C-alpha atoms as a PDB file:
ATOM      1  CA  MET A   1     140.895  -1.460  19.941  1.00  0.00           C
ATOM      2  CA  SER A   2     139.690   1.916  18.614  1.00  0.00           C
ATOM      3  CA  ARG A   3     136.235   3.280  19.346  1.00  0.00           C
ATOM      4  CA  VAL A   4     135.289   3.039  15.658  1.00  0.00           C
ATOM      5  CA  VAL A   5     136.229  -0.654  15.588  1.00  0.00           C
ATOM      6  CA  VAL A   6     134.225  -1.286  18.769  1.00  0.00           C
ATOM      7  CA  LEU A   7     131.141   0.422  17.334  1.00  0.00           C
ATOM      8  CA  ARG A   8     131.388  -1.487  14.062  1.00  0.00           C
ATOM      9  CA  ALA A   9     131.768  -4.777  15.922  1.00  0.00           C
ATOM     10  CA  LEU A  10     128.693  -4.042  18.008  1.00  0.00           C
ATOM     11  CA  SER A  11     126.746  -3.126  14.910  1.00  0.00           C
ATOM     12  CA  GLN A  12     127.682  -6.348  13.170  1.00  0.00           C
ATOM     13  CA  LYS A  13     126.865  -8.396  16.261  1.00  0.00           C
ATOM     14  CA  ASN A  14     123.534  -6.781  16.994  1.00  0.00           C
ATOM     15  CA  CYS A  15     121.942  -5.856  13.714  1.00  0.00           C
ATOM     16  CA  SER A  16     123.765  -6.948  10.587  1.00  0.00           C
ATOM     17  CA  GLY A  17     121.580  -9.463   8.806  1.00  0.00           C
ATOM     18  CA  ASN A  18     119.662 -10.379  11.965  1.00  0.00           C
ATOM     19  CA  MET A  19     117.602  -7.604  13.500  1.00  0.00           C
ATOM     20  CA  MET A  20     116.139  -9.970  16.086  1.00  0.00           C
ATOM     21  CA  THR A  21     119.346 -10.177  18.144  1.00  0.00           C
ATOM     22  CA  TYR A  22     118.558  -6.772  19.638  1.00  0.00           C
ATOM     23  CA  GLN A  23     115.031  -5.700  20.570  1.00  0.00           C
ATOM     24  CA  ARG A  24     113.940  -2.769  18.385  1.00  0.00           C
ATOM     25  CA  PHE A  25     110.448  -1.239  18.285  1.00  0.00           C
ATOM     26  CA  LEU A  26     107.501  -3.597  18.821  1.00  0.00           C
ATOM     27  CA  ALA A  27     105.676  -5.349  16.009  1.00  0.00           C
ATOM     28  CA  PRO A  28     102.618  -7.648  16.057  1.00  0.00           C
ATOM     29  CA  GLY A  29     103.347 -11.040  17.566  1.00  0.00           C
ATOM     30  CA  PHE A  30     106.356  -9.840  19.578  1.00  0.00           C
ATOM     31  CA  THR A  31     107.762 -12.038  22.336  1.00  0.00           C
ATOM     32  CA  PRO A  32     107.882 -10.227  25.708  1.00  0.00           C
ATOM     33  CA  TYR A  33     111.467  -9.522  26.726  1.00  0.00           C
ATOM     34  CA  ASP A  34     113.278  -9.185  30.056  1.00  0.00           C
ATOM     35  CA  PRO A  35     113.951  -5.435  30.537  1.00  0.00           C
ATOM     36  CA  LEU A  36     116.892  -6.113  32.843  1.00  0.00           C
ATOM     37  CA  GLU A  37     118.566  -8.242  30.171  1.00  0.00           C
ATOM     38  CA  LEU A  38     117.789  -5.574  27.584  1.00  0.00           C
ATOM     39  CA  ALA A  39     119.356  -3.023  29.937  1.00  0.00           C
ATOM     40  CA  LYS A  40     122.564  -5.093  30.038  1.00  0.00           C
ATOM     41  CA  GLU A  41     122.621  -5.448  26.253  1.00  0.00           C
ATOM     42  CA  THR A  42     122.012  -1.743  25.791  1.00  0.00           C
ATOM     43  CA  GLU A  43     124.674  -0.769  28.326  1.00  0.00           C
ATOM     44  CA  ARG A  44     127.211  -2.788  26.330  1.00  0.00           C
ATOM     45  CA  ILE A  45     126.356  -0.583  23.352  1.00  0.00           C
ATOM     46  CA  VAL A  46     126.014   2.862  24.950  1.00  0.00           C
ATOM     47  CA  THR A  47     128.891   2.734  27.450  1.00  0.00           C
ATOM     48  CA  LEU A  48     132.613   2.436  26.919  1.00  0.00           C
ATOM     49  CA  GLU A  49     135.534   2.565  29.345  1.00  0.00           C
ATOM     50  CA  GLY A  50     137.654   5.628  28.656  1.00  0.00           C
ATOM     51  CA  SER A  51     140.667   7.380  30.097  1.00  0.00           C
ATOM     52  CA  GLN A  52     138.403   9.681  32.136  1.00  0.00           C
ATOM     53  CA  GLY A  53     135.966   7.066  33.389  1.00  0.00           C
ATOM     54  CA  LEU A  54     132.964   5.286  31.916  1.00  0.00           C
ATOM     55  CA  GLU A  55     131.839   7.082  28.772  1.00  0.00           C
ATOM     56  CA  ARG A  56     128.223   7.110  27.669  1.00  0.00           C
ATOM     57  CA  LYS A  57     126.412   7.903  24.443  1.00  0.00           C
ATOM     58  CA  TYR A  58     124.273  11.035  24.059  1.00  0.00           C
ATOM     59  CA  THR A  59     122.583  12.337  20.934  1.00  0.00           C
ATOM     60  CA  ASP A  60     122.545  15.991  21.985  1.00  0.00           C
ATOM     61  CA  ILE A  61     123.196  18.422  24.833  1.00  0.00           C
ATOM     62  CA  TYR A  62     121.191  21.619  24.693  1.00  0.00           C
ATOM     63  CA  SER A  63     118.993  24.019  26.670  1.00  0.00           C
ATOM     64  CA  ALA A  64     115.187  23.772  26.606  1.00  0.00           C
ATOM     65  CA  PRO A  65     112.431  26.033  28.008  1.00  0.00           C
ATOM     66  CA  VAL A  66     110.752  23.299  30.100  1.00  0.00           C
ATOM     67  CA  TYR A  67     111.118  23.465  33.904  1.00  0.00           C
ATOM     68  CA  GLY A  68     111.554  27.214  33.498  1.00  0.00           C
ATOM     69  CA  GLY A  69     114.773  26.750  31.500  1.00  0.00           C
ATOM     70  CA  ILE A  70     117.020  23.711  31.753  1.00  0.00           C
ATOM     71  CA  ALA A  71     120.195  22.374  30.111  1.00  0.00           C
ATOM     72  CA  THR A  72     119.596  18.796  28.994  1.00  0.00           C
ATOM     73  CA  GLY A  73     121.769  15.829  28.108  1.00  0.00           C
ATOM     74  CA  TYR A  74     119.754  13.605  25.763  1.00  0.00           C
ATOM     75  CA  ALA A  75     120.782  10.015  26.550  1.00  0.00           C
ATOM     76  CA  ALA A  76     120.828   7.251  23.929  1.00  0.00           C
ATOM     77  CA  GLY A  77     119.460   3.766  24.576  1.00  0.00           C
ATOM     78  CA  CYS A  78     116.638   2.416  26.759  1.00  0.00           C
ATOM     79  CA  CYS A  79     115.507  -0.835  28.387  1.00  0.00           C
ATOM     80  CA  LEU A  80     111.810  -0.443  27.515  1.00  0.00           C
ATOM     81  CA  ARG A  81     110.034  -0.300  24.149  1.00  0.00           C
ATOM     82  CA  CYS A  82     106.923   1.784  24.858  1.00  0.00           C
ATOM     83  CA  ILE A  83     104.682   1.925  21.803  1.00  0.00           C
ATOM     84  CA  TYR A  84     103.895   5.621  22.376  1.00  0.00           C
ATOM     85  CA  CYS A  85     107.512   6.691  22.992  1.00  0.00           C
ATOM     86  CA  TRP A  86     108.489  10.084  21.561  1.00  0.00           C
ATOM     87  CA  SER A  87     112.260   9.659  21.995  1.00  0.00           C
ATOM     88  CA  ASN A  88     114.447   9.672  18.910  1.00  0.00           C
ATOM     89  CA  TRP A  89     115.611   6.526  17.108  1.00  0.00           C
ATOM     90  CA  SER A  90     118.610   6.105  19.402  1.00  0.00           C
ATOM     91  CA  ARG A  91     116.178   4.184  21.606  1.00  0.00           C
ATOM     92  CA  ASP A  92     115.837   1.463  18.966  1.00  0.00           C
ATOM     93  CA  PHE A  93     119.218   1.827  17.225  1.00  0.00           C
ATOM     94  CA  PRO A  94     121.608   2.906  20.018  1.00  0.00           C
ATOM     95  CA  GLU A  95     124.670   1.513  18.247  1.00  0.00           C
ATOM     96  CA  ARG A  96     124.038   3.783  15.276  1.00  0.00           C
ATOM     97  CA  LEU A  97     123.239   7.141  16.852  1.00  0.00           C
ATOM     98  CA  GLY A  98     124.917   9.460  19.347  1.00  0.00           C
ATOM     99  CA  ARG A  99     128.505   9.916  20.476  1.00  0.00           C
ATOM    100  CA  PHE A 100     130.436   8.996  23.599  1.00  0.00           C
ATOM    101  CA  TYR A 101     131.130  11.540  26.338  1.00  0.00           C
ATOM    102  CA  SER A 102     133.098  11.124  29.543  1.00  0.00           C
ATOM    103  CA  PRO A 103     131.337  12.248  32.755  1.00  0.00           C
ATOM    104  CA  ARG A 104     133.480  15.376  32.831  1.00  0.00           C
ATOM    105  CA  GLU A 105     132.658  16.189  29.208  1.00  0.00           C
ATOM    106  CA  VAL A 106     128.932  15.872  29.836  1.00  0.00           C
ATOM    107  CA  ALA A 107     129.163  18.150  32.872  1.00  0.00           C
ATOM    108  CA  GLU A 108     131.145  20.739  30.911  1.00  0.00           C
ATOM    109  CA  GLU A 109     128.716  20.614  27.995  1.00  0.00           C
ATOM    110  CA  LEU A 110     125.750  20.997  30.353  1.00  0.00           C
ATOM    111  CA  PHE A 111     127.376  24.029  31.992  1.00  0.00           C
ATOM    112  CA  LYS A 112     128.092  25.487  28.565  1.00  0.00           C
ATOM    113  CA  ALA A 113     124.508  24.897  27.398  1.00  0.00           C
ATOM    114  CA  ALA A 114     123.147  26.532  30.551  1.00  0.00           C
ATOM    115  CA  GLU A 115     125.379  29.563  30.142  1.00  0.00           C
ATOM    116  CA  GLY A 116     124.471  29.868  26.454  1.00  0.00           C
ATOM    117  CA  GLY A 117     120.738  29.798  27.129  1.00  0.00           C
ATOM    118  CA  ILE A 118     117.972  28.767  24.745  1.00  0.00           C
ATOM    119  CA  THR A 119     119.402  28.714  21.228  1.00  0.00           C
ATOM    120  CA  SER A 120     117.578  25.874  19.424  1.00  0.00           C
ATOM    121  CA  PRO A 121     115.468  26.775  16.360  1.00  0.00           C
ATOM    122  CA  GLY A 122     111.763  27.114  17.091  1.00  0.00           C
ATOM    123  CA  TRP A 123     112.265  28.444  20.606  1.00  0.00           C
ATOM    124  CA  GLU A 124     113.124  32.024  19.671  1.00  0.00           C
ATOM    125  CA  ARG A 125     110.560  33.444  22.087  1.00  0.00           C
ATOM    126  CA  PHE A 126     112.503  31.896  24.971  1.00  0.00           C
ATOM    127  CA  ARG A 127     115.862  33.459  24.076  1.00  0.00           C
ATOM    128  CA  ARG A 128     115.904  35.679  27.169  1.00  0.00           C
ATOM    129  CA  LEU A 129     114.996  32.845  29.546  1.00  0.00           C
ATOM    130  CA  LYS A 130     117.730  32.199  32.111  1.00  0.00           C
ATOM    131  CA  VAL A 131     118.774  28.563  32.377  1.00  0.00           C
ATOM    132  CA  ARG A 132     119.432  27.636  35.988  1.00  0.00           C
ATOM    133  CA  LYS A 133     118.928  23.842  36.044  1.00  0.00           C
ATOM    134  CA  LEU A 134     120.542  20.747  34.533  1.00  0.00           C
ATOM    135  CA  ARG A 135     118.886  17.523  33.392  1.00  0.00           C
ATOM    136  CA  LEU A 136     119.389  14.086  31.879  1.00  0.00           C
ATOM    137  CA  SER A 137     116.457  12.954  29.772  1.00  0.00           C
ATOM    138  CA  GLY A 138     115.754  11.375  26.397  1.00  0.00           C
ATOM    139  CA  CYS A 139     115.891   7.597  26.509  1.00  0.00           C
ATOM    140  CA  GLU A 140     117.067   6.027  29.824  1.00  0.00           C
ATOM    141  CA  PRO A 141     119.804   8.023  31.630  1.00  0.00           C
ATOM    142  CA  THR A 142     120.303   5.474  34.429  1.00  0.00           C
ATOM    143  CA  LEU A 143     121.999   3.039  32.035  1.00  0.00           C
ATOM    144  CA  GLY A 144     125.673   3.202  32.914  1.00  0.00           C
ATOM    145  CA  LYS A 145     125.657   3.529  36.710  1.00  0.00           C
ATOM    146  CA  LYS A 146     129.322   4.520  37.047  1.00  0.00           C
ATOM    147  CA  HIS A 147     128.902   7.210  34.417  1.00  0.00           C
ATOM    148  CA  LEU A 148     125.880   8.788  36.094  1.00  0.00           C
ATOM    149  CA  LEU A 149     127.390   8.769  39.576  1.00  0.00           C
ATOM    150  CA  SER A 150     130.649  10.231  38.286  1.00  0.00           C
ATOM    151  CA  LEU A 151     128.733  12.906  36.387  1.00  0.00           C
ATOM    152  CA  LEU A 152     126.946  13.889  39.597  1.00  0.00           C
ATOM    153  CA  ASN A 153     130.313  14.242  41.313  1.00  0.00           C
ATOM    154  CA  HIS A 154     131.297  16.799  38.688  1.00  0.00           C
ATOM    155  CA  ILE A 155     127.999  18.671  39.026  1.00  0.00           C
ATOM    156  CA  GLU A 156     127.776  18.643  42.826  1.00  0.00           C
ATOM    157  CA  ARG A 157     129.723  21.848  43.452  1.00  0.00           C
ATOM    158  CA  SER A 158     128.297  23.771  40.485  1.00  0.00           C
ATOM    159  CA  GLY A 159     125.275  25.100  42.360  1.00  0.00           C
ATOM    160  CA  TYR A 160     122.867  23.834  39.694  1.00  0.00           C
ATOM    161  CA  PRO A 161     119.838  21.712  40.682  1.00  0.00           C
ATOM    162  CA  PHE A 162     119.899  18.450  38.726  1.00  0.00           C
ATOM    163  CA  TYR A 163     116.809  16.732  37.274  1.00  0.00           C
ATOM    164  CA  LEU A 164     116.898  13.030  36.387  1.00  0.00           C
ATOM    165  CA  GLU A 165     114.089  11.507  34.318  1.00  0.00           C
ATOM    166  CA  THR A 166     113.854   7.714  34.471  1.00  0.00           C
ATOM    167  CA  ASN A 167     111.544   4.764  33.875  1.00  0.00           C
ATOM    168  CA  GLY A 168     112.624   3.397  37.265  1.00  0.00           C
ATOM    169  CA  ILE A 169     113.516  -0.094  36.023  1.00  0.00           C
ATOM    170  CA  LEU A 170     117.145  -0.119  37.182  1.00  0.00           C
ATOM    171  CA  PHE A 171     116.460   1.731  40.432  1.00  0.00           C
ATOM    172  CA  GLY A 172     113.658  -0.715  41.260  1.00  0.00           C
ATOM    173  CA  ALA A 173     115.933  -3.677  40.583  1.00  0.00           C
ATOM    174  CA  ASP A 174     118.925  -2.321  42.504  1.00  0.00           C
ATOM    175  CA  LYS A 175     118.332  -0.710  45.882  1.00  0.00           C
ATOM    176  CA  GLY A 176     122.079  -0.205  46.195  1.00  0.00           C
ATOM    177  CA  TYR A 177     122.028   2.042  43.123  1.00  0.00           C
ATOM    178  CA  VAL A 178     119.493   4.283  44.851  1.00  0.00           C
ATOM    179  CA  LYS A 179     121.602   4.238  48.017  1.00  0.00           C
ATOM    180  CA  ARG A 180     124.588   5.499  46.018  1.00  0.00           C
ATOM    181  CA  LEU A 181     122.401   8.168  44.441  1.00  0.00           C
ATOM    182  CA  SER A 182     121.337   9.418  47.874  1.00  0.00           C
ATOM    183  CA  THR A 183     124.833  10.862  48.302  1.00  0.00           C
ATOM    184  CA  PHE A 184     123.636  13.633  45.994  1.00  0.00           C
ATOM    185  CA  SER A 185     120.178  14.097  47.505  1.00  0.00           C
ATOM    186  CA  LYS A 186     120.764  17.775  48.344  1.00  0.00           C
ATOM    187  CA  PHE A 187     120.624  18.865  44.719  1.00  0.00           C
ATOM    188  CA  ILE A 188     118.816  16.183  42.687  1.00  0.00           C
ATOM    189  CA  TYR A 189     115.204  15.644  41.710  1.00  0.00           C
ATOM    190  CA  VAL A 190     114.119  12.303  40.222  1.00  0.00           C
ATOM    191  CA  ARG A 191     111.059  12.019  38.008  1.00  0.00           C
ATOM    192  CA  VAL A 192     109.885   8.394  37.751  1.00  0.00           C
ATOM    193  CA  SER A 193     107.745   7.641  34.704  1.00  0.00           C
ATOM    194  CA  PHE A 194     105.106   4.925  35.187  1.00  0.00           C
ATOM    195  CA  LYS A 195     103.848   2.977  32.206  1.00  0.00           C
ATOM    196  CA  ALA A 196     101.216   0.712  33.758  1.00  0.00           C
ATOM    197  CA  ALA A 197      99.541  -0.482  36.951  1.00  0.00           C
ATOM    198  CA  THR A 198      99.001  -4.088  35.865  1.00  0.00           C
ATOM    199  CA  PRO A 199     101.250  -6.779  34.364  1.00  0.00           C
ATOM    200  CA  GLU A 200      99.018  -6.977  31.285  1.00  0.00           C
ATOM    201  CA  GLY A 201      99.122  -3.243  30.666  1.00  0.00           C
ATOM    202  CA  PHE A 202     102.878  -3.201  31.138  1.00  0.00           C
ATOM    203  CA  THR A 203     103.466  -5.881  28.506  1.00  0.00           C
ATOM    204  CA  GLN A 204     100.971  -4.375  26.091  1.00  0.00           C
ATOM    205  CA  ARG A 205     102.564  -0.902  26.219  1.00  0.00           C
ATOM    206  CA  THR A 206     106.249  -1.640  26.754  1.00  0.00           C
ATOM    207  CA  GLY A 207     106.704  -5.145  25.342  1.00  0.00           C
ATOM    208  CA  ALA A 208     108.393  -6.284  28.563  1.00  0.00           C
ATOM    209  CA  VAL A 209     107.466  -9.337  30.652  1.00  0.00           C
ATOM    210  CA  GLY A 210     104.545  -8.325  32.856  1.00  0.00           C
ATOM    211  CA  LYS A 211     106.042  -9.112  36.249  1.00  0.00           C
ATOM    212  CA  TYR A 212     108.514  -6.244  35.872  1.00  0.00           C
ATOM    213  CA  TYR A 213     105.712  -3.665  36.136  1.00  0.00           C
ATOM    214  CA  GLU A 214     106.482  -3.626  39.876  1.00  0.00           C
ATOM    215  CA  LEU A 215     109.970  -2.151  39.437  1.00  0.00           C
ATOM    216  CA  PRO A 216     108.991   1.525  39.005  1.00  0.00           C
ATOM    217  CA  PHE A 217     106.860   1.274  42.174  1.00  0.00           C
ATOM    218  CA  ARG A 218     109.841  -0.143  44.063  1.00  0.00           C
ATOM    219  CA  ALA A 219     112.040   2.578  42.592  1.00  0.00           C
ATOM    220  CA  LEU A 220     109.798   5.343  43.905  1.00  0.00           C
ATOM    221  CA  LYS A 221     109.687   3.742  47.352  1.00  0.00           C
ATOM    222  CA  TYR A 222     113.469   3.298  47.481  1.00  0.00           C
ATOM    223  CA  LEU A 223     114.009   6.922  46.417  1.00  0.00           C
ATOM    224  CA  LEU A 224     111.625   8.311  49.013  1.00  0.00           C
ATOM    225  CA  ASP A 225     113.012   6.024  51.724  1.00  0.00           C
ATOM    226  CA  GLU A 226     116.473   7.482  50.981  1.00  0.00           C
ATOM    227  CA  GLU A 227     114.991  10.991  51.276  1.00  0.00           C
ATOM    228  CA  ILE A 228     115.683  11.778  47.649  1.00  0.00           C
ATOM    229  CA  TYR A 229     113.229  14.280  46.218  1.00  0.00           C
ATOM    230  CA  ALA A 230     111.256  12.183  43.723  1.00  0.00           C
ATOM    231  CA  ARG A 231     107.891  12.474  42.028  1.00  0.00           C
ATOM    232  CA  PRO A 232     105.846  10.059  39.900  1.00  0.00           C
ATOM    233  CA  ALA A 233     104.626  10.798  36.398  1.00  0.00           C
ATOM    234  CA  ALA A 234     102.485   8.498  34.269  1.00  0.00           C
ATOM    235  CA  MET A 235     101.143   8.096  30.756  1.00  0.00           C
ATOM    236  CA  THR A 236      97.469   8.049  31.735  1.00  0.00           C
ATOM    237  CA  ASP A 237      96.119   9.245  28.402  1.00  0.00           C
ATOM    238  CA  PRO A 238      92.788   7.340  28.078  1.00  0.00           C
ATOM    239  CA  ARG A 239      93.824   6.339  24.554  1.00  0.00           C
ATOM    240  CA  VAL A 240      96.621   4.366  26.214  1.00  0.00           C
ATOM    241  CA  MET A 241      95.551   3.507  29.769  1.00  0.00           C
ATOM    242  CA  PRO A 242      91.997   2.422  30.714  1.00  0.00           C
ATOM    243  CA  LYS A 243      90.285   4.534  33.394  1.00  0.00           C
ATOM    244  CA  ARG A 244      90.119   1.619  35.838  1.00  0.00           C
ATOM    245  CA  GLU A 245      93.846   1.000  35.500  1.00  0.00           C
ATOM    246  CA  ARG A 246      94.506   4.694  36.055  1.00  0.00           C
ATOM    247  CA  GLN A 247      92.605   4.450  39.331  1.00  0.00           C
ATOM    248  CA  ILE A 248      94.593   1.376  40.365  1.00  0.00           C
ATOM    249  CA  LEU A 249      97.786   3.292  39.587  1.00  0.00           C
ATOM    250  CA  ILE A 250      96.754   6.263  41.732  1.00  0.00           C
ATOM    251  CA  GLU A 251      95.823   3.954  44.612  1.00  0.00           C
ATOM    252  CA  ARG A 252      99.153   2.093  44.412  1.00  0.00           C
ATOM    253  CA  LEU A 253     101.109   5.343  44.262  1.00  0.00           C
ATOM    254  CA  GLY A 254      99.135   6.691  47.211  1.00  0.00           C
ATOM    255  CA  GLU A 255     100.343   3.756  49.309  1.00  0.00           C
ATOM    256  CA  ILE A 256     103.943   4.767  48.558  1.00  0.00           C
ATOM    257  CA  ASP A 257     103.780   8.551  48.297  1.00  0.00           C
ATOM    258  CA  SER A 258     101.688  10.414  50.873  1.00  0.00           C
ATOM    259  CA  ARG A 259     101.383  13.399  48.535  1.00  0.00           C
ATOM    260  CA  ILE A 260      99.404  11.310  46.044  1.00  0.00           C
ATOM    261  CA  ALA A 261      97.285   9.866  48.857  1.00  0.00           C
ATOM    262  CA  ARG A 262      96.347  13.373  49.973  1.00  0.00           C
ATOM    263  CA  ASP A 263      95.834  14.777  46.498  1.00  0.00           C
ATOM    264  CA  PRO A 264      95.811  12.566  43.354  1.00  0.00           C
ATOM    265  CA  GLU A 265      96.458  15.696  41.271  1.00  0.00           C
ATOM    266  CA  GLU A 266     100.017  15.578  42.616  1.00  0.00           C
ATOM    267  CA  LEU A 267     100.591  12.846  40.035  1.00  0.00           C
ATOM    268  CA  GLU A 268     101.999  14.356  36.843  1.00  0.00           C
ATOM    269  CA  GLU A 269      99.763  12.879  34.154  1.00  0.00           C
ATOM    270  CA  GLU A 270     101.089  12.707  30.608  1.00  0.00           C
ATOM    271  CA  ARG A 271      99.279  12.836  27.291  1.00  0.00           C
ATOM    272  CA  MET A 272     100.423  11.209  24.090  1.00  0.00           C
ATOM    273  CA  ASP A 273     101.803  13.707  21.563  1.00  0.00           C
ATOM    274  CA  ALA A 274     101.923  13.175  17.830  1.00  0.00           C
ATOM    275  CA  TYR A 275     105.695  13.129  17.338  1.00  0.00           C
ATOM    276  CA  GLN A 276     106.752  11.335  14.165  1.00  0.00           C
ATOM    277  CA  THR A 277     108.585   8.681  16.204  1.00  0.00           C
ATOM    278  CA  THR A 278     105.430   8.116  18.273  1.00  0.00           C
ATOM    279  CA  ILE A 279     103.243   7.749  15.207  1.00  0.00           C
ATOM    280  CA  SER A 280     105.690   5.332  13.584  1.00  0.00           C
ATOM    281  CA  ARG A 281     106.061   3.155  16.690  1.00  0.00           C
ATOM    282  CA  LEU A 282     102.311   3.007  17.261  1.00  0.00           C
ATOM    283  CA  ARG A 283     101.663   1.984  13.684  1.00  0.00           C
ATOM    284  CA  ALA A 284     104.465  -0.596  13.736  1.00  0.00           C
ATOM    285  CA  ALA A 285     102.966  -2.190  16.859  1.00  0.00           C
ATOM    286  CA  PHE A 286      99.739  -2.981  15.010  1.00  0.00           C
ATOM    287  CA  ASP A 287     100.741  -3.164  11.327  1.00  0.00           C
ATOM    288  CA  PRO A 288     103.248  -5.944  10.495  1.00  0.00           C
ATOM    289  CA  ARG A 289     103.853  -4.765   6.939  1.00  0.00           C
ATOM    290  CA  PHE A 290     104.604  -1.252   8.095  1.00  0.00           C
ATOM    291  CA  ALA A 291     106.885  -2.602  10.848  1.00  0.00           C
ATOM    292  CA  LYS A 292     108.983  -4.515   8.295  1.00  0.00           C
ATOM    293  CA  ARG A 293     109.210  -1.492   6.044  1.00  0.00           C
ATOM    294  CA  LEU A 294     110.126   0.793   8.936  1.00  0.00           C
ATOM    295  CA  GLU A 295     112.850  -1.588  10.102  1.00  0.00           C
ATOM    296  CA  LYS A 296     114.337  -1.733   6.619  1.00  0.00           C
ATOM    297  CA  GLU A 297     114.183   2.024   6.090  1.00  0.00           C
ATOM    298  CA  ALA A 298     115.616   2.822   9.524  1.00  0.00           C
ATOM    299  CA  SER A 299     118.470   0.347   9.120  1.00  0.00           C
ATOM    300  CA  SER A 300     119.380   1.841   5.756  1.00  0.00           C
ATOM    301  CA  LYS A 301     119.098   5.434   6.975  1.00  0.00           C
ATOM    302  CA  PHE A 302     121.205   4.981  10.106  1.00  0.00           C
ATOM    303  CA  SER A 303     123.847   2.697   8.576  1.00  0.00           C
ATOM    304  CA  VAL A 304     125.587   5.746   7.067  1.00  0.00           C
ATOM    305  CA  MET A 305     126.175   7.074  10.585  1.00  0.00           C
ATOM    306  CA  LEU A 306     128.501   4.241  11.649  1.00  0.00           C
END
């Protein structure tokens, strides 16, 4: 079966006529979902067996000035639905955006982006910045375990440090995944993004069943236990997370990571930025009429990309 046929079949199964079969952005009255089940559903959409290993969907591969200059693969698809998320619409419509790359192709494109430097419009002042790091970011790069591990095999001998940004859900649910990742501990850095410190806060902000709020904490512990260089980050913007919950988060992280226990400022604290996707998702979460309109407009806009 051709890739085009597979994509069209997935689209028809997941969104044609019935948008509720796949969890999109949150709207008032949502039913909390299982993020591990959503991860499985999303993996079926964003991964595909190819002749060179498990392929995965990305929406772009480019160099950015963050981290002092880094080449980034922007992954499509995620297993959380954070209401403040800035990621592009491939988070909510992964079957409609992005293209498949083999692990080797991603590695080659990352090397090419690093060698080419900062070329994206709007970053002209960074043109002379040397790019000496590689990264996977965007939605959730840990979806597609075989793809990620194979990609790291291709990168291992390149000499580039590799940054992996994750919500920690799959690592927290699968200690064996972290064990496999430890093979590459000499050149990887993992940034674990925390959404909440309570079950209630987790459901409110991500839409997921509250008990799964523990998974990012487990992920950080597993990573550190395997001597993988990992750091926590968290959306602690007071417009999103209450001050008391922020303190609970810092205390919990301090029990896992001695750096946070010694100095809470070691936690990378995030602030909510006014990206258009963020504004739209926030409004949809509290305005049912807007949510319906956004769903209709997004479905129409992205359908031409199939």
